[in-house]
Amino acid sequence: MNAPPVDLVRRARAGDASAQTELVARYSRRITGYLRSLCRREEAVDDLTQLTFIKMFRRLRWLRDPAVFEPWLFRIARN
């Protein structure tokens, strides 16, 4: 299934586990690459990626506009 990101975000916010899994699958490679460019310790990148997605799940309910999900997610990774 290739749902638009906005639909996935809405479903994930509603507690749909398959939508949450799909968001992680779609963005984990890019988030990992982004964090690799920011972090000097290669061994920490996987942990930081996981932490990014944990924070995403905890904060998803506060994302007002699902259309800005991607920059919001990368801001979480950066911070």
N, C-alpha and C. Protein backbone atom coordinates (compact mmCIF):
# COMPACT_ATOMS: atom_id res chain seq x y z
N MET A 1 0.85 -1.19 0.00
CA MET A 1 0.00 0.00 0.00
C MET A 1 0.88 1.24 0.00
N ASN A 2 0.51 2.20 -0.82
CA ASN A 2 1.32 3.39 -0.97
C ASN A 2 0.48 4.63 -0.66
N ALA A 3 0.04 4.72 0.57
CA ALA A 3 -0.81 5.83 1.00
C ALA A 3 0.00 7.12 1.05
N PRO A 4 -0.66 8.25 0.76
CA PRO A 4 0.03 9.54 0.90
C PRO A 4 0.45 9.75 2.37
N PRO A 5 1.56 10.44 2.57
CA PRO A 5 2.04 10.66 3.94
C PRO A 5 1.01 11.30 4.86
N VAL A 6 0.21 12.22 4.35
CA VAL A 6 -0.80 12.89 5.18
C VAL A 6 -1.79 11.86 5.72
N ASP A 7 -2.21 10.93 4.88
CA ASP A 7 -3.13 9.88 5.33
C ASP A 7 -2.48 8.98 6.37
N LEU A 8 -1.22 8.64 6.14
CA LEU A 8 -0.50 7.81 7.12
C LEU A 8 -0.39 8.50 8.47
N VAL A 9 -0.09 9.78 8.44
CA VAL A 9 0.03 10.54 9.69
C VAL A 9 -1.30 10.57 10.43
N ARG A 10 -2.36 10.82 9.71
CA ARG A 10 -3.69 10.84 10.36
C ARG A 10 -4.02 9.48 10.97
N ARG A 11 -3.75 8.42 10.23
CA ARG A 11 -4.03 7.08 10.75
C ARG A 11 -3.13 6.75 11.94
N ALA A 12 -1.86 7.13 11.84
CA ALA A 12 -0.92 6.87 12.95
C ALA A 12 -1.35 7.62 14.20
N ARG A 13 -1.82 8.85 14.04
CA ARG A 13 -2.30 9.63 15.19
C ARG A 13 -3.50 8.96 15.85
N ALA A 14 -4.28 8.26 15.05
CA ALA A 14 -5.46 7.57 15.57
C ALA A 14 -5.12 6.22 16.19
N GLY A 15 -3.83 5.85 16.17
CA GLY A 15 -3.41 4.61 16.81
C GLY A 15 -3.26 3.43 15.88
N ASP A 16 -3.32 3.64 14.58
CA ASP A 16 -3.19 2.57 13.59
C ASP A 16 -1.73 2.10 13.55
N ALA A 17 -1.47 0.90 14.06
CA ALA A 17 -0.11 0.37 14.14
C ALA A 17 0.52 0.17 12.76
N SER A 18 -0.27 -0.22 11.77
CA SER A 18 0.29 -0.43 10.44
C SER A 18 0.73 0.90 9.82
N ALA A 19 0.01 1.97 10.09
CA ALA A 19 0.41 3.29 9.60
C ALA A 19 1.68 3.75 10.29
N GLN A 20 1.80 3.48 11.58
CA GLN A 20 3.01 3.83 12.32
C GLN A 20 4.21 3.08 11.76
N THR A 21 4.03 1.80 11.50
CA THR A 21 5.10 0.98 10.94
C THR A 21 5.50 1.49 9.56
N GLU A 22 4.52 1.88 8.77
CA GLU A 22 4.79 2.39 7.43
C GLU A 22 5.56 3.72 7.49
N LEU A 23 5.23 4.59 8.42
CA LEU A 23 5.98 5.85 8.56
C LEU A 23 7.44 5.57 8.90
N VAL A 24 7.68 4.66 9.81
CA VAL A 24 9.06 4.30 10.16
C VAL A 24 9.77 3.73 8.94
N ALA A 25 9.11 2.83 8.22
CA ALA A 25 9.72 2.22 7.04
C ALA A 25 10.06 3.27 5.97
N ARG A 26 9.16 4.23 5.78
CA ARG A 26 9.38 5.25 4.75
C ARG A 26 10.48 6.23 5.10
N TYR A 27 10.62 6.55 6.37
CA TYR A 27 11.53 7.63 6.75
C TYR A 27 12.81 7.19 7.45
N SER A 28 12.94 5.95 7.84
CA SER A 28 14.10 5.55 8.64
C SER A 28 15.42 5.71 7.88
N ARG A 29 15.44 5.37 6.62
CA ARG A 29 16.68 5.49 5.86
C ARG A 29 17.11 6.96 5.73
N ARG A 30 16.16 7.83 5.45
CA ARG A 30 16.50 9.25 5.31
C ARG A 30 16.89 9.88 6.65
N ILE A 31 16.18 9.50 7.71
CA ILE A 31 16.52 10.03 9.04
C ILE A 31 17.91 9.54 9.45
N THR A 32 18.20 8.27 9.19
CA THR A 32 19.52 7.73 9.51
C THR A 32 20.61 8.49 8.75
N GLY A 33 20.41 8.73 7.48
CA GLY A 33 21.39 9.48 6.69
C GLY A 33 21.56 10.90 7.20
N TYR A 34 20.46 11.52 7.54
CA TYR A 34 20.51 12.88 8.07
C TYR A 34 21.29 12.92 9.38
N LEU A 35 20.99 11.99 10.27
CA LEU A 35 21.68 11.96 11.55
C LEU A 35 23.16 11.62 11.38
N ARG A 36 23.47 10.79 10.40
CA ARG A 36 24.87 10.45 10.13
C ARG A 36 25.63 11.71 9.73
N SER A 37 24.97 12.62 9.02
CA SER A 37 25.64 13.86 8.61
C SER A 37 25.83 14.82 9.78
N LEU A 38 25.05 14.66 10.83
CA LEU A 38 25.14 15.55 11.99
C LEU A 38 26.00 15.00 13.12
N CYS A 39 26.09 13.69 13.20
CA CYS A 39 26.72 13.04 14.35
C CYS A 39 28.12 12.54 14.00
N ARG A 40 29.06 12.83 14.83
CA ARG A 40 30.44 12.39 14.58
C ARG A 40 30.68 10.96 15.05
N ARG A 41 29.79 10.44 15.86
CA ARG A 41 29.96 9.08 16.39
C ARG A 41 29.04 8.12 15.63
N GLU A 42 29.61 7.40 14.71
CA GLU A 42 28.84 6.47 13.88
C GLU A 42 28.06 5.47 14.71
N GLU A 43 28.63 5.04 15.82
CA GLU A 43 27.97 4.04 16.67
C GLU A 43 26.71 4.58 17.35
N ALA A 44 26.53 5.88 17.35
CA ALA A 44 25.37 6.49 17.99
C ALA A 44 24.21 6.71 17.02
N VAL A 45 24.44 6.59 15.74
CA VAL A 45 23.43 6.94 14.73
C VAL A 45 22.17 6.07 14.86
N ASP A 46 22.34 4.76 15.01
CA ASP A 46 21.18 3.88 15.13
C ASP A 46 20.35 4.22 16.37
N ASP A 47 21.03 4.49 17.47
CA ASP A 47 20.31 4.85 18.69
C ASP A 47 19.56 6.18 18.52
N LEU A 48 20.19 7.13 17.87
CA LEU A 48 19.55 8.42 17.64
C LEU A 48 18.36 8.28 16.69
N THR A 49 18.47 7.42 15.70
CA THR A 49 17.35 7.17 14.80
C THR A 49 16.17 6.59 15.57
N GLN A 50 16.45 5.61 16.39
CA GLN A 50 15.39 5.00 17.19
C GLN A 50 14.76 6.04 18.12
N LEU A 51 15.58 6.84 18.74
CA LEU A 51 15.08 7.87 19.65
C LEU A 51 14.20 8.89 18.90
N THR A 52 14.58 9.22 17.68
CA THR A 52 13.78 10.13 16.87
C THR A 52 12.37 9.58 16.66
N PHE A 53 12.27 8.30 16.34
CA PHE A 53 10.95 7.72 16.10
C PHE A 53 10.16 7.54 17.39
N ILE A 54 10.82 7.28 18.48
CA ILE A 54 10.12 7.22 19.77
C ILE A 54 9.51 8.59 20.08
N LYS A 55 10.30 9.63 19.90
CA LYS A 55 9.79 10.99 20.14
C LYS A 55 8.68 11.34 19.17
N MET A 56 8.81 10.88 17.92
CA MET A 56 7.75 11.13 16.95
C MET A 56 6.43 10.54 17.43
N PHE A 57 6.46 9.29 17.87
CA PHE A 57 5.23 8.64 18.32
C PHE A 57 4.64 9.35 19.54
N ARG A 58 5.48 9.78 20.43
CA ARG A 58 4.99 10.46 21.64
C ARG A 58 4.40 11.83 21.35
N ARG A 59 4.91 12.50 20.32
CA ARG A 59 4.50 13.88 20.03
C ARG A 59 3.52 14.00 18.87
N LEU A 60 3.24 12.91 18.21
CA LEU A 60 2.40 12.95 17.00
C LEU A 60 1.05 13.59 17.25
N ARG A 61 0.49 13.40 18.41
CA ARG A 61 -0.84 13.96 18.68
C ARG A 61 -0.83 15.49 18.70
N TRP A 62 0.35 16.08 18.89
CA TRP A 62 0.44 17.55 18.93
C TRP A 62 0.74 18.17 17.57
N LEU A 63 0.98 17.35 16.57
CA LEU A 63 1.21 17.87 15.23
C LEU A 63 -0.13 18.34 14.67
N ARG A 64 -0.27 19.63 14.51
CA ARG A 64 -1.57 20.19 14.09
C ARG A 64 -1.87 19.96 12.62
N ASP A 65 -0.86 20.06 11.79
CA ASP A 65 -1.06 19.94 10.34
C ASP A 65 -0.25 18.76 9.80
N PRO A 66 -0.90 17.66 9.48
CA PRO A 66 -0.17 16.49 8.96
C PRO A 66 0.63 16.77 7.69
N ALA A 67 0.29 17.85 6.98
CA ALA A 67 1.01 18.19 5.76
C ALA A 67 2.45 18.62 6.03
N VAL A 68 2.76 19.03 7.26
CA VAL A 68 4.12 19.46 7.60
C VAL A 68 4.86 18.37 8.38
N PHE A 69 4.41 17.15 8.25
CA PHE A 69 5.00 16.04 9.00
C PHE A 69 6.50 15.89 8.74
N GLU A 70 6.89 15.89 7.48
CA GLU A 70 8.30 15.63 7.16
C GLU A 70 9.26 16.65 7.77
N PRO A 71 9.06 17.95 7.58
CA PRO A 71 9.98 18.90 8.23
C PRO A 71 9.91 18.80 9.76
N TRP A 72 8.75 18.51 10.28
CA TRP A 72 8.57 18.33 11.72
C TRP A 72 9.41 17.16 12.22
N LEU A 73 9.37 16.05 11.48
CA LEU A 73 10.14 14.87 11.86
C LEU A 73 11.65 15.15 11.82
N PHE A 74 12.10 15.84 10.79
CA PHE A 74 13.52 16.15 10.70
C PHE A 74 13.95 17.15 11.76
N ARG A 75 13.06 18.01 12.19
CA ARG A 75 13.36 18.93 13.30
C ARG A 75 13.53 18.14 14.59
N ILE A 76 12.70 17.12 14.79
CA ILE A 76 12.87 16.25 15.96
C ILE A 76 14.24 15.59 15.91
N ALA A 77 14.62 15.08 14.76
CA ALA A 77 15.92 14.41 14.61
C ALA A 77 17.06 15.38 14.91
N ARG A 78 16.96 16.59 14.39
CA ARG A 78 18.02 17.59 14.59
C ARG A 78 18.16 17.97 16.06
N ASN A 79 17.04 18.12 16.74
CA ASN A 79 17.08 18.55 18.13
C ASN A 79 17.46 17.40 19.04
